[in-house]
PDB file of N, CA and C in Angstrom:
ATOM      1  N   MET A   1     108.289 123.593 107.734  1.00  0.00           N
ATOM      2  CA  MET A   1     108.737 122.873 106.544  1.00  0.00           C
ATOM      3  C   MET A   1     107.580 122.029 106.009  1.00  0.00           C
ATOM      4  N   ALA A   2     107.391 122.058 104.703  1.00  0.00           N
ATOM      5  CA  ALA A   2     106.313 121.304 104.065  1.00  0.00           C
ATOM      6  C   ALA A   2     106.657 119.817 104.038  1.00  0.00           C
ATOM      7  N   LEU A   3     105.624 119.014 104.164  1.00  0.00           N
ATOM      8  CA  LEU A   3     105.752 117.559 104.128  1.00  0.00           C
ATOM      9  C   LEU A   3     105.202 117.043 102.803  1.00  0.00           C
ATOM     10  N   VAL A   4     105.603 115.840 102.435  1.00  0.00           N
ATOM     11  CA  VAL A   4     105.124 115.200 101.215  1.00  0.00           C
ATOM     12  C   VAL A   4     103.953 114.302 101.577  1.00  0.00           C
ATOM     13  N   LYS A   5     102.907 114.351 100.758  1.00  0.00           N
ATOM     14  CA  LYS A   5     101.683 113.585 101.032  1.00  0.00           C
ATOM     15  C   LYS A   5     101.693 112.290 100.225  1.00  0.00           C
ATOM     16  N   TYR A   6     101.328 111.206 100.918  1.00  0.00           N
ATOM     17  CA  TYR A   6     101.219 109.887 100.291  1.00  0.00           C
ATOM     18  C   TYR A   6      99.839 109.309 100.562  1.00  0.00           C
ATOM     19  N   LEU A   7      99.375 108.526  99.621  1.00  0.00           N
ATOM     20  CA  LEU A   7      98.136 107.772  99.767  1.00  0.00           C
ATOM     21  C   LEU A   7      98.484 106.295  99.738  1.00  0.00           C
ATOM     22  N   MET A   8      98.073 105.582 100.776  1.00  0.00           N
ATOM     23  CA  MET A   8      98.241 104.130 100.832  1.00  0.00           C
ATOM     24  C   MET A   8      96.848 103.508 100.863  1.00  0.00           C
ATOM     25  N   LEU A   9      96.632 102.493 100.035  1.00  0.00           N
ATOM     26  CA  LEU A   9      95.392 101.741 100.106  1.00  0.00           C
ATOM     27  C   LEU A   9      95.651 100.508 100.967  1.00  0.00           C
ATOM     28  N   LEU A  10      94.985 100.458 102.116  1.00  0.00           N
ATOM     29  CA  LEU A  10      95.157  99.378 103.078  1.00  0.00           C
ATOM     30  C   LEU A  10      94.002  98.396 102.927  1.00  0.00           C
ATOM     31  N   PRO A  11      94.273  97.186 102.430  1.00  0.00           N
ATOM     32  CA  PRO A  11      93.196  96.215 102.232  1.00  0.00           C
ATOM     33  C   PRO A  11      92.473  95.908 103.545  1.00  0.00           C
ATOM     34  N   ILE A  12      91.156  95.729 103.452  1.00  0.00           N
ATOM     35  CA  ILE A  12      90.382  95.332 104.635  1.00  0.00           C
ATOM     36  C   ILE A  12      89.892  93.896 104.512  1.00  0.00           C
ATOM     37  N   THR A  13      90.241  93.258 103.395  1.00  0.00           N
ATOM     38  CA  THR A  13      89.967  91.830 103.222  1.00  0.00           C
ATOM     39  C   THR A  13      91.200  91.166 102.629  1.00  0.00           C
ATOM     40  N   TYR A  14      91.349  89.889 102.917  1.00  0.00           N
ATOM     41  CA  TYR A  14      92.388  89.088 102.269  1.00  0.00           C
ATOM     42  C   TYR A  14      91.916  88.776 100.854  1.00  0.00           C
ATOM     43  N   ASN A  15      92.798  88.230 100.023  1.00  0.00           N
ATOM     44  CA  ASN A  15      92.444  87.947  98.638  1.00  0.00           C
ATOM     45  C   ASN A  15      91.336  86.908  98.493  1.00  0.00           C
ATOM     46  N   ASP A  16      91.133  86.101  99.522  1.00  0.00           N
ATOM     47  CA  ASP A  16      90.040  85.119  99.462  1.00  0.00           C
ATOM     48  C   ASP A  16      88.705  85.711  99.918  1.00  0.00           C
ATOM     49  N   GLY A  17      88.703  87.004 100.252  1.00  0.00           N
ATOM     50  CA  GLY A  17      87.482  87.682 100.661  1.00  0.00           C
ATOM     51  C   GLY A  17      87.254  87.715 102.164  1.00  0.00           C
ATOM     52  N   THR A  18      88.057  86.984 102.926  1.00  0.00           N
ATOM     53  CA  THR A  18      87.945  86.976 104.383  1.00  0.00           C
ATOM     54  C   THR A  18      88.330  88.345 104.926  1.00  0.00           C
ATOM     55  N   ARG A  19      87.526  88.843 105.843  1.00  0.00           N
ATOM     56  CA  ARG A  19      87.783  90.161 106.440  1.00  0.00           C
ATOM     57  C   ARG A  19      89.037  90.107 107.325  1.00  0.00           C
ATOM     58  N   ILE A  20      89.881  91.106 107.207  1.00  0.00           N
ATOM     59  CA  ILE A  20      91.066  91.216 108.067  1.00  0.00           C
ATOM     60  C   ILE A  20      90.588  91.668 109.441  1.00  0.00           C
ATOM     61  N   ALA A  21      91.082  91.018 110.482  1.00  0.00           N
ATOM     62  CA  ALA A  21      90.656  91.322 111.848  1.00  0.00           C
ATOM     63  C   ALA A  21      90.905  92.799 112.173  1.00  0.00           C
ATOM     64  N   LYS A  22      89.936  93.380 112.874  1.00  0.00           N
ATOM     65  CA  LYS A  22      90.032  94.780 113.266  1.00  0.00           C
ATOM     66  C   LYS A  22      91.304  95.040 114.068  1.00  0.00           C
ATOM     67  N   ALA A  23      91.692  94.095 114.925  1.00  0.00           N
ATOM     68  CA  ALA A  23      92.908  94.259 115.738  1.00  0.00           C
ATOM     69  C   ALA A  23      94.152  94.372 114.861  1.00  0.00           C
ATOM     70  N   ILE A  24      94.209  93.617 113.767  1.00  0.00           N
ATOM     71  CA  ILE A  24      95.357  93.682 112.864  1.00  0.00           C
ATOM     72  C   ILE A  24      95.391  95.042 112.168  1.00  0.00           C
ATOM     73  N   LEU A  25      94.238  95.500 111.694  1.00  0.00           N
ATOM     74  CA  LEU A  25      94.189  96.820 111.047  1.00  0.00           C
ATOM     75  C   LEU A  25      94.584  97.917 112.026  1.00  0.00           C
ATOM     76  N   GLU A  26      94.135  97.814 113.268  1.00  0.00           N
ATOM     77  CA  GLU A  26      94.503  98.817 114.278  1.00  0.00           C
ATOM     78  C   GLU A  26      95.990  98.795 114.576  1.00  0.00           C
ATOM     79  N   GLU A  27      96.612  97.610 114.595  1.00  0.00           N
ATOM     80  CA  GLU A  27      98.061  97.513 114.807  1.00  0.00           C
ATOM     81  C   GLU A  27      98.810  98.198 113.667  1.00  0.00           C
ATOM     82  N   ILE A  28      98.347  97.980 112.439  1.00  0.00           N
ATOM     83  CA  ILE A  28      98.982  98.613 111.283  1.00  0.00           C
ATOM     84  C   ILE A  28      98.834 100.128 111.370  1.00  0.00           C
ATOM     85  N   LEU A  29      97.644 100.603 111.706  1.00  0.00           N
ATOM     86  CA  LEU A  29      97.437 102.046 111.839  1.00  0.00           C
ATOM     87  C   LEU A  29      98.284 102.619 112.965  1.00  0.00           C
ATOM     88  N   ASP A  30      98.474 101.865 114.045  1.00  0.00           N
ATOM     89  CA  ASP A  30      99.362 102.314 115.124  1.00  0.00           C
ATOM     90  C   ASP A  30     100.791 102.456 114.608  1.00  0.00           C
ATOM     91  N   GLN A  31     101.238 101.510 113.768  1.00  0.00           N
ATOM     92  CA  GLN A  31     102.582 101.598 113.203  1.00  0.00           C
ATOM     93  C   GLN A  31     102.707 102.831 112.308  1.00  0.00           C
ATOM     94  N   VAL A  32     101.682 103.101 111.519  1.00  0.00           N
ATOM     95  CA  VAL A  32     101.691 104.293 110.666  1.00  0.00           C
ATOM     96  C   VAL A  32     101.759 105.548 111.540  1.00  0.00           C
ATOM     97  N   PHE A  33     100.983 105.569 112.625  1.00  0.00           N
ATOM     98  CA  PHE A  33     100.987 106.727 113.526  1.00  0.00           C
ATOM     99  C   PHE A  33     102.375 106.944 114.136  1.00  0.00           C
ATOM    100  N   VAL A  34     102.991 105.880 114.612  1.00  0.00           N
ATOM    101  CA  VAL A  34     104.327 106.000 115.210  1.00  0.00           C
ATOM    102  C   VAL A  34     105.326 106.503 114.170  1.00  0.00           C
ATOM    103  N   PHE A  35     105.218 105.984 112.961  1.00  0.00           N
ATOM    104  CA  PHE A  35     106.149 106.371 111.899  1.00  0.00           C
ATOM    105  C   PHE A  35     105.939 107.816 111.443  1.00  0.00           C
ATOM    106  N   ALA A  36     104.687 108.175 111.131  1.00  0.00           N
ATOM    107  CA  ALA A  36     104.408 109.454 110.487  1.00  0.00           C
ATOM    108  C   ALA A  36     103.902 110.527 111.445  1.00  0.00           C
ATOM    109  N   GLY A  37     103.543 110.138 112.660  1.00  0.00           N
ATOM    110  CA  GLY A  37     103.028 111.120 113.605  1.00  0.00           C
ATOM    111  C   GLY A  37     101.555 111.413 113.417  1.00  0.00           C
ATOM    112  N   GLY A  38     100.926 110.729 112.498  1.00  0.00           N
ATOM    113  CA  GLY A  38      99.502 110.908 112.248  1.00  0.00           C
ATOM    114  C   GLY A  38      99.114 110.330 110.904  1.00  0.00           C
ATOM    115  N   TYR A  39      97.826 110.293 110.644  1.00  0.00           N
ATOM    116  CA  TYR A  39      97.289 109.823 109.370  1.00  0.00           C
ATOM    117  C   TYR A  39      95.839 110.265 109.295  1.00  0.00           C
ATOM    118  N   ALA A  40      95.264 110.151 108.122  1.00  0.00           N
ATOM    119  CA  ALA A  40      93.841 110.421 107.934  1.00  0.00           C
ATOM    120  C   ALA A  40      93.250 109.273 107.120  1.00  0.00           C
ATOM    121  N   ILE A  41      92.106 108.784 107.552  1.00  0.00           N
ATOM    122  CA  ILE A  41      91.390 107.774 106.788  1.00  0.00           C
ATOM    123  C   ILE A  41      90.321 108.499 105.990  1.00  0.00           C
ATOM    124  N   ALA A  42      90.444 108.449 104.677  1.00  0.00           N
ATOM    125  CA  ALA A  42      89.540 109.181 103.797  1.00  0.00           C
ATOM    126  C   ALA A  42      88.341 108.342 103.374  1.00  0.00           C
ATOM    127  N   GLY A  43      88.156 107.208 103.998  1.00  0.00           N
ATOM    128  CA  GLY A  43      87.029 106.342 103.659  1.00  0.00           C
ATOM    129  C   GLY A  43      87.490 105.061 102.989  1.00  0.00           C
ATOM    130  N   ALA A  44      86.519 104.263 102.614  1.00  0.00           N
ATOM    131  CA  ALA A  44      86.804 102.989 101.962  1.00  0.00           C
ATOM    132  C   ALA A  44      86.715 103.163 100.450  1.00  0.00           C
ATOM    133  N   ALA A  45      87.438 102.333  99.745  1.00  0.00           N
ATOM    134  CA  ALA A  45      87.427 102.332  98.285  1.00  0.00           C
ATOM    135  C   ALA A  45      87.334 100.892  97.802  1.00  0.00           C
ATOM    136  N   LYS A  46      86.781 100.728  96.630  1.00  0.00           N
ATOM    137  CA  LYS A  46      86.714  99.409  95.995  1.00  0.00           C
ATOM    138  C   LYS A  46      87.449  99.526  94.676  1.00  0.00           C
ATOM    139  N   GLY A  47      88.336  98.580  94.423  1.00  0.00           N
ATOM    140  CA  GLY A  47      89.101  98.623  93.182  1.00  0.00           C
ATOM    141  C   GLY A  47      89.486  97.236  92.720  1.00  0.00           C
ATOM    142  N   ALA A  48      90.043  97.161  91.531  1.00  0.00           N
ATOM    143  CA  ALA A  48      90.453  95.886  90.957  1.00  0.00           C
ATOM    144  C   ALA A  48      91.940  95.944  90.621  1.00  0.00           C
ATOM    145  N   TYR A  49      92.579  94.783  90.703  1.00  0.00           N
ATOM    146  CA  TYR A  49      94.013  94.645  90.460  1.00  0.00           C
ATOM    147  C   TYR A  49      94.225  93.387  89.631  1.00  0.00           C
ATOM    148  N   ARG A  50      95.094  93.474  88.609  1.00  0.00           N
ATOM    149  CA  ARG A  50      95.432  92.294  87.814  1.00  0.00           C
ATOM    150  C   ARG A  50      96.566  91.549  88.512  1.00  0.00           C
ATOM    151  N   MET A  51      96.274  90.343  88.973  1.00  0.00           N
ATOM    152  CA  MET A  51      97.274  89.519  89.657  1.00  0.00           C
ATOM    153  C   MET A  51      98.321  89.049  88.640  1.00  0.00           C
ATOM    154  N   ALA A  52      99.447  88.555  89.114  1.00  0.00           N
ATOM    155  CA  ALA A  52     100.503  88.058  88.235  1.00  0.00           C
ATOM    156  C   ALA A  52      99.991  86.933  87.337  1.00  0.00           C
ATOM    157  N   THR A  53      98.997  86.208  87.799  1.00  0.00           N
ATOM    158  CA  THR A  53      98.398  85.121  87.009  1.00  0.00           C
ATOM    159  C   THR A  53      97.479  85.638  85.912  1.00  0.00           C
ATOM    160  N   GLY A  54      97.166  86.941  85.952  1.00  0.00           N
ATOM    161  CA  GLY A  54      96.229  87.528  85.009  1.00  0.00           C
ATOM    162  C   GLY A  54      94.815  87.612  85.557  1.00  0.00           C
ATOM    163  N   ALA A  55      94.586  86.969  86.699  1.00  0.00           N
ATOM    164  CA  ALA A  55      93.255  86.971  87.307  1.00  0.00           C
ATOM    165  C   ALA A  55      92.921  88.359  87.840  1.00  0.00           C
ATOM    166  N   LYS A  56      91.634  88.696  87.798  1.00  0.00           N
ATOM    167  CA  LYS A  56      91.153  89.957  88.340  1.00  0.00           C
ATOM    168  C   LYS A  56      90.863  89.780  89.821  1.00  0.00           C
ATOM    169  N   GLN A  57      91.443  90.642  90.651  1.00  0.00           N
ATOM    170  CA  GLN A  57      91.224  90.619  92.092  1.00  0.00           C
ATOM    171  C   GLN A  57      90.529  91.918  92.492  1.00  0.00           C
ATOM    172  N   VAL A  58      89.326  91.818  93.032  1.00  0.00           N
ATOM    173  CA  VAL A  58      88.598  92.993  93.484  1.00  0.00           C
ATOM    174  C   VAL A  58      88.793  93.118  94.992  1.00  0.00           C
ATOM    175  N   ASP A  59      89.207  94.285  95.423  1.00  0.00           N
ATOM    176  CA  ASP A  59      89.514  94.527  96.839  1.00  0.00           C
ATOM    177  C   ASP A  59      88.743  95.720  97.374  1.00  0.00           C
ATOM    178  N   ARG A  60      88.515  95.698  98.674  1.00  0.00           N
ATOM    179  CA  ARG A  60      88.041  96.867  99.420  1.00  0.00           C
ATOM    180  C   ARG A  60      89.210  97.292 100.294  1.00  0.00           C
ATOM    181  N   SER A  61      89.469  98.587 100.293  1.00  0.00           N
ATOM    182  CA  SER A  61      90.619  99.122 101.026  1.00  0.00           C
ATOM    183  C   SER A  61      90.242 100.414 101.723  1.00  0.00           C
ATOM    184  N   LEU A  62      90.992 100.733 102.778  1.00  0.00           N
ATOM    185  CA  LEU A  62      90.897 102.041 103.414  1.00  0.00           C
ATOM    186  C   LEU A  62      91.884 102.964 102.722  1.00  0.00           C
ATOM    187  N   GLN A  63      91.459 104.193 102.463  1.00  0.00           N
ATOM    188  CA  GLN A  63      92.344 105.203 101.890  1.00  0.00           C
ATOM    189  C   GLN A  63      93.034 105.922 103.048  1.00  0.00           C
ATOM    190  N   ILE A  64      94.327 105.705 103.188  1.00  0.00           N
ATOM    191  CA  ILE A  64      95.098 106.274 104.290  1.00  0.00           C
ATOM    192  C   ILE A  64      96.023 107.363 103.744  1.00  0.00           C
ATOM    193  N   TRP A  65      95.832 108.602 104.227  1.00  0.00           N
ATOM    194  CA  TRP A  65      96.704 109.714 103.861  1.00  0.00           C
ATOM    195  C   TRP A  65      97.774 109.870 104.929  1.00  0.00           C
ATOM    196  N   ILE A  66      99.023 110.028 104.474  1.00  0.00           N
ATOM    197  CA  ILE A  66     100.178 110.143 105.357  1.00  0.00           C
ATOM    198  C   ILE A  66     101.020 111.322 104.869  1.00  0.00           C
ATOM    199  N   ALA A  67     101.521 112.134 105.774  1.00  0.00           N
ATOM    200  CA  ALA A  67     102.418 113.238 105.422  1.00  0.00           C
ATOM    201  C   ALA A  67     103.751 113.021 106.116  1.00  0.00           C
ATOM    202  N   ILE A  68     104.823 112.967 105.326  1.00  0.00           N
ATOM    203  CA  ILE A  68     106.155 112.692 105.872  1.00  0.00           C
ATOM    204  C   ILE A  68     107.202 113.582 105.211  1.00  0.00           C
ATOM    205  N   GLU A  69     108.363 113.651 105.831  1.00  0.00           N
ATOM    206  CA  GLU A  69     109.522 114.288 105.208  1.00  0.00           C
ATOM    207  C   GLU A  69     109.925 113.428 104.003  1.00  0.00           C
ATOM    208  N   GLN A  70     110.357 114.074 102.927  1.00  0.00           N
ATOM    209  CA  GLN A  70     110.757 113.322 101.731  1.00  0.00           C
ATOM    210  C   GLN A  70     111.846 112.292 102.052  1.00  0.00           C
ATOM    211  N   SER A  71     112.736 112.625 102.960  1.00  0.00           N
ATOM    212  CA  SER A  71     113.828 111.709 103.305  1.00  0.00           C
ATOM    213  C   SER A  71     113.330 110.407 103.926  1.00  0.00           C
ATOM    214  N   GLU A  72     112.076 110.382 104.384  1.00  0.00           N
ATOM    215  CA  GLU A  72     111.504 109.186 105.003  1.00  0.00           C
ATOM    216  C   GLU A  72     110.855 108.238 103.994  1.00  0.00           C
ATOM    217  N   GLN A  73     110.855 108.591 102.697  1.00  0.00           N
ATOM    218  CA  GLN A  73     110.205 107.739 101.698  1.00  0.00           C
ATOM    219  C   GLN A  73     110.723 106.299 101.701  1.00  0.00           C
ATOM    220  N   PRO A  74     112.040 106.054 101.753  1.00  0.00           N
ATOM    221  CA  PRO A  74     112.493 104.657 101.756  1.00  0.00           C
ATOM    222  C   PRO A  74     111.926 103.858 102.938  1.00  0.00           C
ATOM    223  N   ARG A  75     111.861 104.481 104.099  1.00  0.00           N
ATOM    224  CA  ARG A  75     111.306 103.790 105.274  1.00  0.00           C
ATOM    225  C   ARG A  75     109.812 103.538 105.092  1.00  0.00           C
ATOM    226  N   LEU A  76     109.083 104.467 104.483  1.00  0.00           N
ATOM    227  CA  LEU A  76     107.662 104.251 104.214  1.00  0.00           C
ATOM    228  C   LEU A  76     107.475 103.071 103.278  1.00  0.00           C
ATOM    229  N   ARG A  77     108.287 102.989 102.244  1.00  0.00           N
ATOM    230  CA  ARG A  77     108.202 101.859 101.303  1.00  0.00           C
ATOM    231  C   ARG A  77     108.459 100.541 102.025  1.00  0.00           C
ATOM    232  N   GLU A  78     109.436 100.517 102.937  1.00  0.00           N
ATOM    233  CA  GLU A  78     109.707  99.309 103.724  1.00  0.00           C
ATOM    234  C   GLU A  78     108.511  98.938 104.590  1.00  0.00           C
ATOM    235  N   LEU A  79     107.905  99.931 105.210  1.00  0.00           N
ATOM    236  CA  LEU A  79     106.750  99.708 106.065  1.00  0.00           C
ATOM    237  C   LEU A  79     105.587  99.116 105.261  1.00  0.00           C
ATOM    238  N   VAL A  80     105.320  99.688 104.091  1.00  0.00           N
ATOM    239  CA  VAL A  80     104.235  99.190 103.240  1.00  0.00           C
ATOM    240  C   VAL A  80     104.543  97.773 102.770  1.00  0.00           C
ATOM    241  N   ALA A  81     105.799  97.487 102.437  1.00  0.00           N
ATOM    242  CA  ALA A  81     106.183  96.123 102.038  1.00  0.00           C
ATOM    243  C   ALA A  81     105.951  95.135 103.186  1.00  0.00           C
ATOM    244  N   ASP A  82     106.218  95.561 104.418  1.00  0.00           N
ATOM    245  CA  ASP A  82     105.948  94.709 105.587  1.00  0.00           C
ATOM    246  C   ASP A  82     104.445  94.463 105.733  1.00  0.00           C
ATOM    247  N   PHE A  83     103.635  95.500 105.541  1.00  0.00           N
ATOM    248  CA  PHE A  83     102.176  95.333 105.608  1.00  0.00           C
ATOM    249  C   PHE A  83     101.715  94.369 104.520  1.00  0.00           C
ATOM    250  N   CYS A  84     102.286  94.510 103.337  1.00  0.00           N
ATOM    251  CA  CYS A  84     101.942  93.669 102.195  1.00  0.00           C
ATOM    252  C   CYS A  84     102.186  92.187 102.539  1.00  0.00           C
ATOM    253  N   LYS A  85     103.333  91.918 103.118  1.00  0.00           N
ATOM    254  CA  LYS A  85     103.667  90.540 103.510  1.00  0.00           C
ATOM    255  C   LYS A  85     102.723  90.058 104.598  1.00  0.00           C
ATOM    256  N   ARG A  86     102.499  90.888 105.592  1.00  0.00           N
ATOM    257  CA  ARG A  86     101.646  90.511 106.721  1.00  0.00           C
ATOM    258  C   ARG A  86     100.213  90.202 106.282  1.00  0.00           C
ATOM    259  N   LEU A  87      99.729  90.935 105.290  1.00  0.00           N
ATOM    260  CA  LEU A  87      98.353  90.772 104.824  1.00  0.00           C
ATOM    261  C   LEU A  87      98.259  89.814 103.635  1.00  0.00           C
ATOM    262  N   ASP A  88      99.378  89.173 103.306  1.00  0.00           N
ATOM    263  CA  ASP A  88      99.436  88.170 102.233  1.00  0.00           C
ATOM    264  C   ASP A  88      98.945  88.740 100.899  1.00  0.00           C
ATOM    265  N   GLN A  89      99.429  89.944 100.580  1.00  0.00           N
ATOM    266  CA  GLN A  89      99.062  90.601  99.334  1.00  0.00           C
ATOM    267  C   GLN A  89     100.167  90.418  98.304  1.00  0.00           C
ATOM    268  N   GLU A  90      99.798  90.437  97.043  1.00  0.00           N
ATOM    269  CA  GLU A  90     100.779  90.379  95.967  1.00  0.00           C
ATOM    270  C   GLU A  90     101.479  91.734  95.831  1.00  0.00           C
ATOM    271  N   ALA A  91     100.738  92.807  96.095  1.00  0.00           N
ATOM    272  CA  ALA A  91     101.271  94.171  96.048  1.00  0.00           C
ATOM    273  C   ALA A  91     100.292  95.081  96.788  1.00  0.00           C
ATOM    274  N   MET A  92     100.784  96.229  97.221  1.00  0.00           N
ATOM    275  CA  MET A  92      99.925  97.243  97.824  1.00  0.00           C
ATOM    276  C   MET A  92     100.168  98.575  97.130  1.00  0.00           C
ATOM    277  N   TYR A  93      99.108  99.368  97.035  1.00  0.00           N
ATOM    278  CA  TYR A  93      99.128 100.660  96.357  1.00  0.00           C
ATOM    279  C   TYR A  93      99.688 101.730  97.282  1.00  0.00           C
ATOM    280  N   LEU A  94     100.695 102.461  96.792  1.00  0.00           N
ATOM    281  CA  LEU A  94     101.257 103.611  97.494  1.00  0.00           C
ATOM    282  C   LEU A  94     101.487 104.695  96.452  1.00  0.00           C
ATOM    283  N   GLU A  95     100.943 105.875  96.687  1.00  0.00           N
ATOM    284  CA  GLU A  95     101.041 106.982  95.738  1.00  0.00           C
ATOM    285  C   GLU A  95     101.591 108.219  96.415  1.00  0.00           C
ATOM    286  N   ARG A  96     102.578 108.822  95.789  1.00  0.00           N
ATOM    287  CA  ARG A  96     103.035 110.138  96.234  1.00  0.00           C
ATOM    288  C   ARG A  96     102.133 111.156  95.552  1.00  0.00           C
ATOM    289  N   ALA A  97     101.416 111.901  96.348  1.00  0.00           N
ATOM    290  CA  ALA A  97     100.502 112.901  95.798  1.00  0.00           C
ATOM    291  C   ALA A  97     101.292 114.124  95.342  1.00  0.00           C
ATOM    292  N   GLY A  98     100.693 114.944  94.508  1.00  0.00           N
ATOM    293  CA  GLY A  98     101.387 116.081  93.923  1.00  0.00           C
ATOM    294  C   GLY A  98     101.597 117.261  94.847  1.00  0.00           C
ATOM    295  N   GLY A  99     100.868 117.322  95.954  1.00  0.00           N
ATOM    296  CA  GLY A  99     100.948 118.497  96.807  1.00  0.00           C
ATOM    297  C   GLY A  99     101.885 118.333  97.985  1.00  0.00           C
ATOM    298  N   GLU A 100     102.007 119.413  98.716  1.00  0.00           N
ATOM    299  CA  GLU A 100     102.767 119.414  99.960  1.00  0.00           C
ATOM    300  C   GLU A 100     101.793 119.675 101.094  1.00  0.00           C
ATOM    301  N   VAL A 101     102.139 119.201 102.272  1.00  0.00           N
ATOM    302  CA  VAL A 101     101.292 119.348 103.452  1.00  0.00           C
ATOM    303  C   VAL A 101     101.983 120.272 104.439  1.00  0.00           C
ATOM    304  N   GLU A 102     101.227 121.195 104.997  1.00  0.00           N
ATOM    305  CA  GLU A 102     101.715 122.041 106.077  1.00  0.00           C
ATOM    306  C   GLU A 102     100.710 121.962 107.216  1.00  0.00           C
ATOM    307  N   PHE A 103     101.189 121.985 108.434  1.00  0.00           N
ATOM    308  CA  PHE A 103     100.328 122.055 109.610  1.00  0.00           C
ATOM    309  C   PHE A 103     100.438 123.483 110.131  1.00  0.00           C
ATOM    310  N   ILE A 104      99.355 124.233 110.025  1.00  0.00           N
ATOM    311  CA  ILE A 104      99.334 125.652 110.362  1.00  0.00           C
ATOM    312  C   ILE A 104      98.756 125.826 111.770  1.00  0.00           C
ATOM    313  N   PRO A 105      99.531 126.421 112.670  1.00  0.00           N
ATOM    314  CA  PRO A 105      98.997 126.674 114.006  1.00  0.00           C
ATOM    315  C   PRO A 105      98.035 127.866 113.994  1.00  0.00           C
ATOM    316  N   PRO A 106      97.217 128.000 115.026  1.00  0.00           N
ATOM    317  CA  PRO A 106      96.317 129.157 115.073  1.00  0.00           C
ATOM    318  C   PRO A 106      97.094 130.458 115.225  1.00  0.00           C
ATOM    319  N   THR A 107      96.487 131.542 114.789  1.00  0.00           N
ATOM    320  CA  THR A 107      97.114 132.841 115.003  1.00  0.00           C
ATOM    321  C   THR A 107      97.080 133.163 116.493  1.00  0.00           C
ATOM    322  N   GLU A 108      98.054 133.926 116.918  1.00  0.00           N
ATOM    323  CA  GLU A 108      98.094 134.281 118.331  1.00  0.00           C
ATOM    324  C   GLU A 108      97.115 135.401 118.605  1.00  0.00           C
ATOM    325  N   SER A 109      96.479 135.338 119.746  1.00  0.00           N
ATOM    326  CA  SER A 109      95.535 136.375 120.140  1.00  0.00           C
ATOM    327  C   SER A 109      96.274 137.667 120.431  1.00  0.00           C
ATOM    328  N   GLU A 110      95.648 138.769 120.067  1.00  0.00           N
ATOM    329  CA  GLU A 110      96.255 140.066 120.363  1.00  0.00           C
ATOM    330  C   GLU A 110      95.766 140.535 121.720  1.00  0.00           C
ATOM    331  N   GLY A 111      96.691 140.950 122.526  1.00  0.00           N
ATOM    332  CA  GLY A 111      96.549 141.525 123.815  1.00  0.00           C
ATOM    333  C   GLY A 111      95.360 141.363 124.580  1.00  0.00           C
TER     334      GLY A 111
END
């Protein structure tokens, strides 16, 4: 069965520019692993977000790819909201990508 692919941007700094402790990021990634059964880090990204005050906030984030059953979307949103609160963010980026994910096993050897 095909899975739905999501992209989450996980901040690596707080809004004041202080680096988030590696242990905290690892705990979050462990939670993602337990929830989704795996993830891929596609590298770091730098982007800007307009805060509710109108101020420009520039962030560095890890691009985390997650593949889940569509029925798990509400739980993923809850998980991201928990990360958002834990990291003291105004909001976190979560995108449902257009494709589907399949995990293909190797072909069986012939005789």
